[in-house]
């Protein structure tokens, strides 16, 4: 009787070890790991967009005194900045296609408006030569580069996470162990704005 009891316990322990090893080998922990990596990448995207949002009022103010003949461009940047800061984004935004679309569109509009503003500045050599504006422009360009890198990293992290959720065995593991796991939204290339007709 004791021998049978020991055999049963040994079999149960071995079965438990085999299951634990099997689950770890087949990637049961990869879904939460990939999700955390994607969330961290999203946080970096948000940080860089926030950094840009904080620079925009200074850029507008620096340009305003010189480019008074360009009220339309300044208005576009001001309005795009207001829209971009009104669209709230948090960790759940990447799981909500509509909120993610709104966030992405608002940021793309601000990028386009800033691009037009900086193109306008080319007409004002006095402004371009001012140390304060040069420093602001450099910070803005650096931030735009960091945004591009953060978006690229986010795209890669979300692609890895979404692929794990949509392929086997990740799909099965998610269904059993992580039923709340949902694919995340990510960035796509922005469509170029139509060229304005020349007059």
Protein backbone atom coordinates (compact mmCIF):
# COMPACT_ATOMS: atom_id res chain seq x y z
CA UNK A 1 0.00 0.00 0.00
CA UNK A 2 2.81 2.40 0.92
CA UNK A 3 4.64 1.55 -2.30
CA UNK A 4 1.51 2.37 -4.32
CA UNK A 5 1.10 5.67 -2.48
CA UNK A 6 4.73 6.60 -3.16
CA UNK A 7 4.39 5.67 -6.82
CA UNK A 8 1.30 7.86 -7.12
CA UNK A 9 3.08 10.81 -5.47
CA UNK A 10 6.13 10.39 -7.67
CA UNK A 11 3.97 10.24 -10.79
CA UNK A 12 2.05 13.36 -9.70
CA UNK A 13 5.31 15.23 -9.01
CA UNK A 14 6.79 14.16 -12.35
CA UNK A 15 3.59 15.11 -14.16
CA UNK A 16 3.68 18.52 -12.48
CA UNK A 17 7.31 19.04 -13.46
CA UNK A 18 6.65 17.97 -17.03
CA UNK A 19 3.65 20.33 -17.27
CA UNK A 20 5.62 23.22 -15.77
CA UNK A 21 8.53 22.59 -18.11
CA UNK A 22 6.19 22.17 -21.07
CA UNK A 23 4.36 25.42 -20.37
CA UNK A 24 7.59 27.36 -19.92
CA UNK A 25 9.13 25.81 -23.03
CA UNK A 26 6.11 26.55 -25.19
CA UNK A 27 6.05 30.21 -24.20
CA UNK A 28 3.33 30.50 -21.58
CA UNK A 29 5.16 33.46 -20.08
CA UNK A 30 5.95 35.09 -23.41
CA UNK A 31 2.52 36.73 -23.74
CA UNK A 32 2.81 38.83 -20.55
CA UNK A 33 6.47 39.57 -21.33
CA UNK A 34 5.67 40.78 -24.83
CA UNK A 35 2.70 42.76 -23.54
CA UNK A 36 4.91 44.56 -21.01
CA UNK A 37 7.48 45.34 -23.70
CA UNK A 38 4.74 46.79 -25.93
CA UNK A 39 3.38 48.87 -23.02
CA UNK A 40 6.86 50.19 -22.25
CA UNK A 41 7.34 51.12 -25.91
CA UNK A 42 3.96 52.90 -25.89
CA UNK A 43 4.99 54.87 -22.79
CA UNK A 44 8.11 56.06 -24.61
CA UNK A 45 5.98 57.18 -27.58
CA UNK A 46 3.78 59.17 -25.21
CA UNK A 47 6.81 60.70 -23.48
CA UNK A 48 8.28 61.93 -26.74
CA UNK A 49 4.97 63.38 -27.96
CA UNK A 50 4.60 65.13 -24.60
CA UNK A 51 8.10 66.55 -24.95
CA UNK A 52 7.15 67.94 -28.36
CA UNK A 53 3.89 69.37 -27.01
CA UNK A 54 5.88 71.27 -24.38
CA UNK A 55 8.21 72.76 -27.02
CA UNK A 56 5.51 73.93 -29.44
CA UNK A 57 4.35 77.05 -27.52
CA UNK A 58 7.96 78.30 -27.32
CA UNK A 59 8.45 77.73 -31.05
CA UNK A 60 5.20 79.58 -31.85
CA UNK A 61 6.22 82.49 -29.62
CA UNK A 62 9.68 82.71 -31.19
CA UNK A 63 8.24 82.76 -34.70
CA UNK A 64 5.29 85.05 -33.98
CA UNK A 65 7.37 88.23 -33.72
CA UNK A 66 9.07 87.66 -37.06
CA UNK A 67 6.41 85.97 -39.16
CA UNK A 68 3.48 88.31 -38.60
CA UNK A 69 2.70 88.06 -42.30
CA UNK A 70 2.08 84.32 -41.80
CA UNK A 71 -0.95 84.29 -39.47
CA UNK A 72 -2.49 81.27 -41.22
CA UNK A 73 0.52 79.04 -40.54
CA UNK A 74 0.73 80.17 -36.91
CA UNK A 75 -3.01 79.56 -36.48
CA UNK A 76 -2.70 76.07 -37.98
CA UNK A 77 0.10 75.15 -35.57
CA UNK A 78 -1.77 76.60 -32.59
CA UNK A 79 -4.98 74.74 -33.47
CA UNK A 80 -3.16 71.47 -34.22
CA UNK A 81 -1.29 71.78 -30.91
CA UNK A 82 -4.58 72.33 -29.06
CA UNK A 83 -6.16 69.27 -30.73
CA UNK A 84 -3.11 67.10 -30.02
CA UNK A 85 -3.10 68.02 -26.34
CA UNK A 86 -6.86 67.50 -26.00
CA UNK A 87 -6.72 63.92 -27.25
CA UNK A 88 -5.97 61.96 -24.10
CA UNK A 89 -3.94 58.80 -24.40
CA UNK A 90 -3.11 56.26 -21.74
CA UNK A 91 -2.11 52.61 -21.59
CA UNK A 92 -5.59 51.48 -22.72
CA UNK A 93 -5.44 53.58 -25.90
CA UNK A 94 -3.50 50.86 -27.74
CA UNK A 95 -6.42 48.46 -27.23
CA UNK A 96 -9.05 50.92 -28.50
CA UNK A 97 -8.85 51.36 -32.30
CA UNK A 98 -10.96 54.54 -32.34
CA UNK A 99 -9.06 56.33 -29.57
CA UNK A 100 -5.76 55.25 -31.12
CA UNK A 101 -6.88 56.60 -34.53
CA UNK A 102 -7.83 59.94 -32.95
CA UNK A 103 -4.50 60.18 -31.14
CA UNK A 104 -2.54 59.30 -34.27
CA UNK A 105 -4.45 61.76 -36.47
CA UNK A 106 -4.02 64.61 -33.99
CA UNK A 107 -0.27 63.97 -33.76
CA UNK A 108 0.05 63.70 -37.55
CA UNK A 109 -1.78 67.02 -37.97
CA UNK A 110 0.59 68.68 -35.52
CA UNK A 111 3.58 67.19 -37.35
CA UNK A 112 2.28 68.57 -40.65
CA UNK A 113 1.58 72.02 -39.19
CA UNK A 114 5.04 72.18 -37.60
CA UNK A 115 6.61 71.16 -40.90
CA UNK A 116 4.80 74.01 -42.67
CA UNK A 117 5.86 76.44 -39.94
CA UNK A 118 9.52 75.46 -40.19
CA UNK A 119 9.33 75.76 -43.99
CA UNK A 120 7.92 79.27 -43.54
CA UNK A 121 10.82 80.20 -41.24
CA UNK A 122 13.17 79.72 -44.19
CA UNK A 123 11.92 83.09 -45.47
CA UNK A 124 13.17 84.88 -42.34
CA UNK A 125 16.97 84.81 -42.16
CA UNK A 126 17.00 87.06 -39.07
CA UNK A 127 14.93 84.53 -37.14
CA UNK A 128 16.96 81.59 -38.42
CA UNK A 129 20.15 83.21 -37.12
CA UNK A 130 18.88 83.90 -33.58
CA UNK A 131 20.52 81.67 -30.99
CA UNK A 132 17.26 81.12 -29.09
CA UNK A 133 15.41 79.97 -32.18
CA UNK A 134 18.32 77.82 -33.33
CA UNK A 135 18.28 76.05 -29.95
CA UNK A 136 14.49 75.57 -30.12
CA UNK A 137 14.67 74.27 -33.66
CA UNK A 138 17.43 71.86 -32.67
CA UNK A 139 15.39 70.60 -29.71
CA UNK A 140 12.33 70.18 -31.92
CA UNK A 141 14.29 68.28 -34.58
CA UNK A 142 15.84 66.06 -31.91
CA UNK A 143 12.41 65.37 -30.47
CA UNK A 144 11.01 64.52 -33.90
CA UNK A 145 13.87 62.04 -34.32
CA UNK A 146 13.14 60.52 -30.90
CA UNK A 147 9.45 60.27 -31.84
CA UNK A 148 10.40 58.36 -34.99
CA UNK A 149 12.60 55.96 -33.00
CA UNK A 150 9.95 55.50 -30.29
CA UNK A 151 7.29 54.78 -32.91
CA UNK A 152 9.56 52.28 -34.66
CA UNK A 153 10.26 50.50 -31.37
CA UNK A 154 6.55 50.50 -30.53
CA UNK A 155 5.66 49.03 -33.91
CA UNK A 156 8.20 46.21 -33.42
CA UNK A 157 7.02 45.46 -29.86
CA UNK A 158 3.33 45.43 -30.83
CA UNK A 159 4.04 43.29 -33.88
CA UNK A 160 5.78 40.69 -31.69
CA UNK A 161 2.92 40.74 -29.16
CA UNK A 162 0.14 40.59 -31.76
CA UNK A 163 1.92 37.80 -33.64
CA UNK A 164 2.18 35.77 -30.43
CA UNK A 165 -1.57 36.22 -29.83
CA UNK A 166 -2.50 35.22 -33.36
CA UNK A 167 -0.26 32.22 -33.93
CA UNK A 168 -0.15 28.77 -32.40
CA UNK A 169 0.70 27.92 -29.64
CA UNK A 170 0.39 31.52 -28.40
CA UNK A 171 -3.23 31.65 -29.48
CA UNK A 172 -4.04 28.56 -27.42
CA UNK A 173 -2.05 29.75 -24.42
CA UNK A 174 -3.80 33.14 -24.51
CA UNK A 175 -7.18 31.44 -24.76
CA UNK A 176 -6.50 29.34 -21.68
CA UNK A 177 -4.23 31.45 -19.47
CA UNK A 178 -4.77 35.04 -20.67
CA UNK A 179 -8.32 35.35 -22.02
CA UNK A 180 -8.26 39.14 -21.45
CA UNK A 181 -5.28 39.59 -23.83
CA UNK A 182 -6.24 41.62 -26.91
CA UNK A 183 -4.21 42.69 -29.95
CA UNK A 184 -2.84 46.22 -29.77
CA UNK A 185 -3.04 49.04 -32.28
CA UNK A 186 0.11 50.47 -33.78
CA UNK A 187 1.27 53.21 -36.10
CA UNK A 188 1.18 53.05 -39.85
CA UNK A 189 2.87 55.40 -42.26
CA UNK A 190 1.06 58.70 -42.49
CA UNK A 191 -0.41 59.52 -45.87
CA UNK A 192 1.39 62.46 -47.43
CA UNK A 193 -0.61 65.65 -47.44
CA UNK A 194 -1.79 66.81 -50.86
CA UNK A 195 0.40 69.50 -52.31
CA UNK A 196 -1.18 72.91 -52.20
CA UNK A 197 -1.71 74.46 -55.62
CA UNK A 198 0.77 77.19 -56.55
CA UNK A 199 -0.60 80.56 -57.34
